[in-house]
Amino acid sequence: MNSIGNSLTIGAVAKRVGVAIDTIRFYEREGLLPEPLRRASGYRSYGEGTVAQLRFIRRAKVLGFTLDEIRALLALSTDRRLGVKAVKQRAQERLAAIDQRIAELQRVRDGLAQLVQSCPGHGAPEQCPILRALTEEEEPA
């Protein structure tokens, strides 16, 4: 096993959380994880808290939070006075941004679907509505 007592190697942590070793090092450089203790051999030594933090980071990323937002959420997770209220506010902001992105993607999808529908799929390339839409000069706003 790669652990000594409750001390884990970087490889053991990576395996338990399902991330690459380089990802852990990156999060350390970015300040998302604290600098680990070092063993006498110089190897990094981690505790269970690091595993929990990495799981937090992974799940927050899946929910669409940026690294800066995750950094703030990690700080808020220990704030007894404002933490929960501020975390909810950040989550509401992220949800609004996702809703906006979905609306934007729906507009793009609708436009593309219209182009696909109007294209016969045969004939001269210069008559293809998809190619024309991609090459036409945009109208001034």
C-alpha atoms as a PDB file:
ATOM      1  CA  MET A   1       0.000   0.000   0.000  1.00  0.00           C
ATOM      2  CA  ASN A   2       1.190   3.567  -0.733  1.00  0.00           C
ATOM      3  CA  SER A   3       0.398   5.046   2.651  1.00  0.00           C
ATOM      4  CA  ILE A   4       2.247   5.261   5.916  1.00  0.00           C
ATOM      5  CA  GLY A   5      -0.183   5.660   8.811  1.00  0.00           C
ATOM      6  CA  ASN A   6      -2.695   8.164   7.490  1.00  0.00           C
ATOM      7  CA  SER A   7      -0.055   9.703   5.222  1.00  0.00           C
ATOM      8  CA  LEU A   8      -0.585   9.144   1.517  1.00  0.00           C
ATOM      9  CA  THR A   9       1.759   9.475  -1.443  1.00  0.00           C
ATOM     10  CA  ILE A  10       0.760  11.654  -4.375  1.00  0.00           C
ATOM     11  CA  GLY A  11       0.151   8.499  -6.421  1.00  0.00           C
ATOM     12  CA  ALA A  12      -2.191   7.062  -3.799  1.00  0.00           C
ATOM     13  CA  VAL A  13      -4.139  10.329  -3.608  1.00  0.00           C
ATOM     14  CA  ALA A  14      -4.365  10.552  -7.402  1.00  0.00           C
ATOM     15  CA  LYS A  15      -5.658   6.998  -7.630  1.00  0.00           C
ATOM     16  CA  ARG A  16      -8.259   7.467  -4.871  1.00  0.00           C
ATOM     17  CA  VAL A  17      -9.642  10.654  -6.392  1.00  0.00           C
ATOM     18  CA  GLY A  18      -9.257   9.659 -10.033  1.00  0.00           C
ATOM     19  CA  VAL A  19      -7.018  12.517 -11.144  1.00  0.00           C
ATOM     20  CA  ALA A  20      -3.567  12.676 -12.652  1.00  0.00           C
ATOM     21  CA  ILE A  21      -0.548  13.370 -10.464  1.00  0.00           C
ATOM     22  CA  ASP A  22       0.150  16.466 -12.581  1.00  0.00           C
ATOM     23  CA  THR A  23      -3.344  17.730 -11.741  1.00  0.00           C
ATOM     24  CA  ILE A  24      -2.553  17.592  -8.034  1.00  0.00           C
ATOM     25  CA  ARG A  25       0.703  19.468  -8.582  1.00  0.00           C
ATOM     26  CA  PHE A  26      -1.139  22.042 -10.710  1.00  0.00           C
ATOM     27  CA  TYR A  27      -3.753  22.620  -7.985  1.00  0.00           C
ATOM     28  CA  GLU A  28      -0.928  23.080  -5.469  1.00  0.00           C
ATOM     29  CA  ARG A  29       0.729  25.709  -7.694  1.00  0.00           C
ATOM     30  CA  GLU A  30      -2.636  27.438  -8.165  1.00  0.00           C
ATOM     31  CA  GLY A  31      -3.206  27.596  -4.406  1.00  0.00           C
ATOM     32  CA  LEU A  32      -6.258  25.314  -4.430  1.00  0.00           C
ATOM     33  CA  LEU A  33      -4.408  22.796  -2.283  1.00  0.00           C
ATOM     34  CA  PRO A  34      -2.008  23.607   0.525  1.00  0.00           C
ATOM     35  CA  GLU A  35       1.666  22.806   0.104  1.00  0.00           C
ATOM     36  CA  PRO A  36       2.051  19.190   1.288  1.00  0.00           C
ATOM     37  CA  LEU A  37       4.338  18.003   4.014  1.00  0.00           C
ATOM     38  CA  ARG A  38       7.487  16.282   2.836  1.00  0.00           C
ATOM     39  CA  ARG A  39       8.788  12.943   3.974  1.00  0.00           C
ATOM     40  CA  ALA A  40      12.455  12.507   4.878  1.00  0.00           C
ATOM     41  CA  SER A  41      12.911  11.193   1.339  1.00  0.00           C
ATOM     42  CA  GLY A  42      11.557  14.467  -0.054  1.00  0.00           C
ATOM     43  CA  TYR A  43       8.378  12.872  -1.380  1.00  0.00           C
ATOM     44  CA  ARG A  44       5.095  14.666  -0.827  1.00  0.00           C
ATOM     45  CA  SER A  45       2.940  13.393   2.026  1.00  0.00           C
ATOM     46  CA  TYR A  46      -0.832  13.935   2.078  1.00  0.00           C
ATOM     47  CA  GLY A  47      -3.651  13.363   4.531  1.00  0.00           C
ATOM     48  CA  GLU A  48      -7.327  12.588   4.078  1.00  0.00           C
ATOM     49  CA  GLY A  49      -8.100  16.323   3.958  1.00  0.00           C
ATOM     50  CA  THR A  50      -6.372  16.556   0.599  1.00  0.00           C
ATOM     51  CA  VAL A  51      -8.513  13.718  -0.756  1.00  0.00           C
ATOM     52  CA  ALA A  52     -11.645  15.563   0.395  1.00  0.00           C
ATOM     53  CA  GLN A  53     -10.456  18.853  -1.131  1.00  0.00           C
ATOM     54  CA  LEU A  54      -9.667  17.199  -4.450  1.00  0.00           C
ATOM     55  CA  ARG A  55     -13.117  15.614  -4.541  1.00  0.00           C
ATOM     56  CA  PHE A  56     -14.610  19.040  -3.795  1.00  0.00           C
ATOM     57  CA  ILE A  57     -12.600  20.586  -6.657  1.00  0.00           C
ATOM     58  CA  ARG A  58     -13.570  17.832  -9.115  1.00  0.00           C
ATOM     59  CA  ARG A  59     -17.262  18.087  -8.285  1.00  0.00           C
ATOM     60  CA  ALA A  60     -17.218  21.885  -8.463  1.00  0.00           C
ATOM     61  CA  LYS A  61     -15.564  21.682 -11.898  1.00  0.00           C
ATOM     62  CA  VAL A  62     -18.286  19.285 -13.080  1.00  0.00           C
ATOM     63  CA  LEU A  63     -20.848  21.897 -11.983  1.00  0.00           C
ATOM     64  CA  GLY A  64     -19.101  24.478 -14.153  1.00  0.00           C
ATOM     65  CA  PHE A  65     -17.221  26.502 -11.557  1.00  0.00           C
ATOM     66  CA  THR A  66     -13.952  28.095 -12.670  1.00  0.00           C
ATOM     67  CA  LEU A  67     -10.747  27.591 -10.688  1.00  0.00           C
ATOM     68  CA  ASP A  68     -11.060  31.115  -9.257  1.00  0.00           C
ATOM     69  CA  GLU A  69     -14.628  30.377  -8.193  1.00  0.00           C
ATOM     70  CA  ILE A  70     -13.543  27.066  -6.677  1.00  0.00           C
ATOM     71  CA  ARG A  71     -10.798  28.856  -4.753  1.00  0.00           C
ATOM     72  CA  ALA A  72     -13.439  31.205  -3.322  1.00  0.00           C
ATOM     73  CA  LEU A  73     -15.782  28.307  -2.521  1.00  0.00           C
ATOM     74  CA  LEU A  74     -13.010  26.491  -0.673  1.00  0.00           C
ATOM     75  CA  ALA A  75     -12.386  29.607   1.414  1.00  0.00           C
ATOM     76  CA  LEU A  76     -16.109  30.050   2.056  1.00  0.00           C
ATOM     77  CA  SER A  77     -16.475  26.402   3.089  1.00  0.00           C
ATOM     78  CA  THR A  78     -14.717  27.223   6.358  1.00  0.00           C
ATOM     79  CA  ASP A  79     -16.377  30.627   6.925  1.00  0.00           C
ATOM     80  CA  ARG A  80     -18.864  30.049   9.753  1.00  0.00           C
ATOM     81  CA  ARG A  81     -20.383  33.542   9.475  1.00  0.00           C
ATOM     82  CA  LEU A  82     -20.938  34.127   5.751  1.00  0.00           C
ATOM     83  CA  GLY A  83     -20.013  30.800   4.203  1.00  0.00           C
ATOM     84  CA  VAL A  84     -23.348  29.178   3.412  1.00  0.00           C
ATOM     85  CA  LYS A  85     -25.035  32.393   2.282  1.00  0.00           C
ATOM     86  CA  ALA A  86     -22.093  33.315   0.053  1.00  0.00           C
ATOM     87  CA  VAL A  87     -21.823  29.779  -1.340  1.00  0.00           C
ATOM     88  CA  LYS A  88     -25.510  29.857  -2.269  1.00  0.00           C
ATOM     89  CA  GLN A  89     -25.025  33.220  -3.966  1.00  0.00           C
ATOM     90  CA  ARG A  90     -22.067  31.884  -5.970  1.00  0.00           C
ATOM     91  CA  ALA A  91     -24.088  28.826  -6.973  1.00  0.00           C
ATOM     92  CA  GLN A  92     -26.987  31.044  -8.065  1.00  0.00           C
ATOM     93  CA  GLU A  93     -24.594  33.134 -10.170  1.00  0.00           C
ATOM     94  CA  ARG A  94     -23.135  29.977 -11.753  1.00  0.00           C
ATOM     95  CA  LEU A  95     -26.672  28.692 -12.469  1.00  0.00           C
ATOM     96  CA  ALA A  96     -27.602  31.983 -14.161  1.00  0.00           C
ATOM     97  CA  ALA A  97     -24.456  31.811 -16.295  1.00  0.00           C
ATOM     98  CA  ILE A  98     -25.277  28.226 -17.289  1.00  0.00           C
ATOM     99  CA  ASP A  99     -28.844  29.221 -18.186  1.00  0.00           C
ATOM    100  CA  GLN A 100     -27.474  32.062 -20.323  1.00  0.00           C
ATOM    101  CA  ARG A 101     -25.061  29.689 -22.058  1.00  0.00           C
ATOM    102  CA  ILE A 102     -27.863  27.185 -22.703  1.00  0.00           C
ATOM    103  CA  ALA A 103     -29.979  29.943 -24.288  1.00  0.00           C
ATOM    104  CA  GLU A 104     -27.010  30.981 -26.429  1.00  0.00           C
ATOM    105  CA  LEU A 105     -26.376  27.383 -27.509  1.00  0.00           C
ATOM    106  CA  GLN A 106     -30.074  26.947 -28.310  1.00  0.00           C
ATOM    107  CA  ARG A 107     -29.922  29.987 -30.637  1.00  0.00           C
ATOM    108  CA  VAL A 108     -26.836  28.537 -32.334  1.00  0.00           C
ATOM    109  CA  ARG A 109     -28.525  25.150 -32.619  1.00  0.00           C
ATOM    110  CA  ASP A 110     -31.675  26.663 -34.112  1.00  0.00           C
ATOM    111  CA  GLY A 111     -29.653  28.613 -36.686  1.00  0.00           C
ATOM    112  CA  LEU A 112     -27.652  25.553 -37.663  1.00  0.00           C
ATOM    113  CA  ALA A 113     -30.789  23.407 -37.867  1.00  0.00           C
ATOM    114  CA  GLN A 114     -32.346  25.985 -40.194  1.00  0.00           C
ATOM    115  CA  LEU A 115     -29.260  25.891 -42.438  1.00  0.00           C
ATOM    116  CA  VAL A 116     -29.237  22.085 -42.488  1.00  0.00           C
ATOM    117  CA  GLN A 117     -32.946  22.038 -43.337  1.00  0.00           C
ATOM    118  CA  SER A 118     -32.470  24.471 -46.229  1.00  0.00           C
ATOM    119  CA  CYS A 119     -29.524  22.600 -47.756  1.00  0.00           C
ATOM    120  CA  PRO A 120     -30.502  20.020 -50.388  1.00  0.00           C
ATOM    121  CA  GLY A 121     -27.274  18.077 -49.856  1.00  0.00           C
ATOM    122  CA  HIS A 122     -26.407  18.084 -53.555  1.00  0.00           C
ATOM    123  CA  GLY A 123     -25.579  20.522 -56.325  1.00  0.00           C
ATOM    124  CA  ALA A 124     -22.952  23.210 -56.780  1.00  0.00           C
ATOM    125  CA  PRO A 125     -21.032  24.305 -53.657  1.00  0.00           C
ATOM    126  CA  GLU A 126     -21.739  27.995 -54.375  1.00  0.00           C
ATOM    127  CA  GLN A 127     -25.463  27.206 -54.079  1.00  0.00           C
ATOM    128  CA  CYS A 128     -25.114  25.512 -50.678  1.00  0.00           C
ATOM    129  CA  PRO A 129     -26.849  27.661 -48.040  1.00  0.00           C
ATOM    130  CA  ILE A 130     -24.502  26.383 -45.326  1.00  0.00           C
ATOM    131  CA  LEU A 131     -21.359  27.353 -47.249  1.00  0.00           C
ATOM    132  CA  ARG A 132     -22.904  30.718 -48.227  1.00  0.00           C
ATOM    133  CA  ALA A 133     -23.759  31.470 -44.599  1.00  0.00           C
ATOM    134  CA  LEU A 134     -20.196  30.675 -43.562  1.00  0.00           C
ATOM    135  CA  THR A 135     -18.579  32.812 -46.266  1.00  0.00           C
ATOM    136  CA  GLU A 136     -20.925  35.806 -46.521  1.00  0.00           C
ATOM    137  CA  GLU A 137     -19.850  39.123 -45.099  1.00  0.00           C
ATOM    138  CA  GLU A 138     -21.766  39.953 -41.947  1.00  0.00           C
ATOM    139  CA  GLU A 139     -24.274  42.776 -42.120  1.00  0.00           C
ATOM    140  CA  PRO A 140     -23.317  45.848 -40.077  1.00  0.00           C
ATOM    141  CA  ALA A 141     -25.134  46.153 -36.769  1.00  0.00           C
END
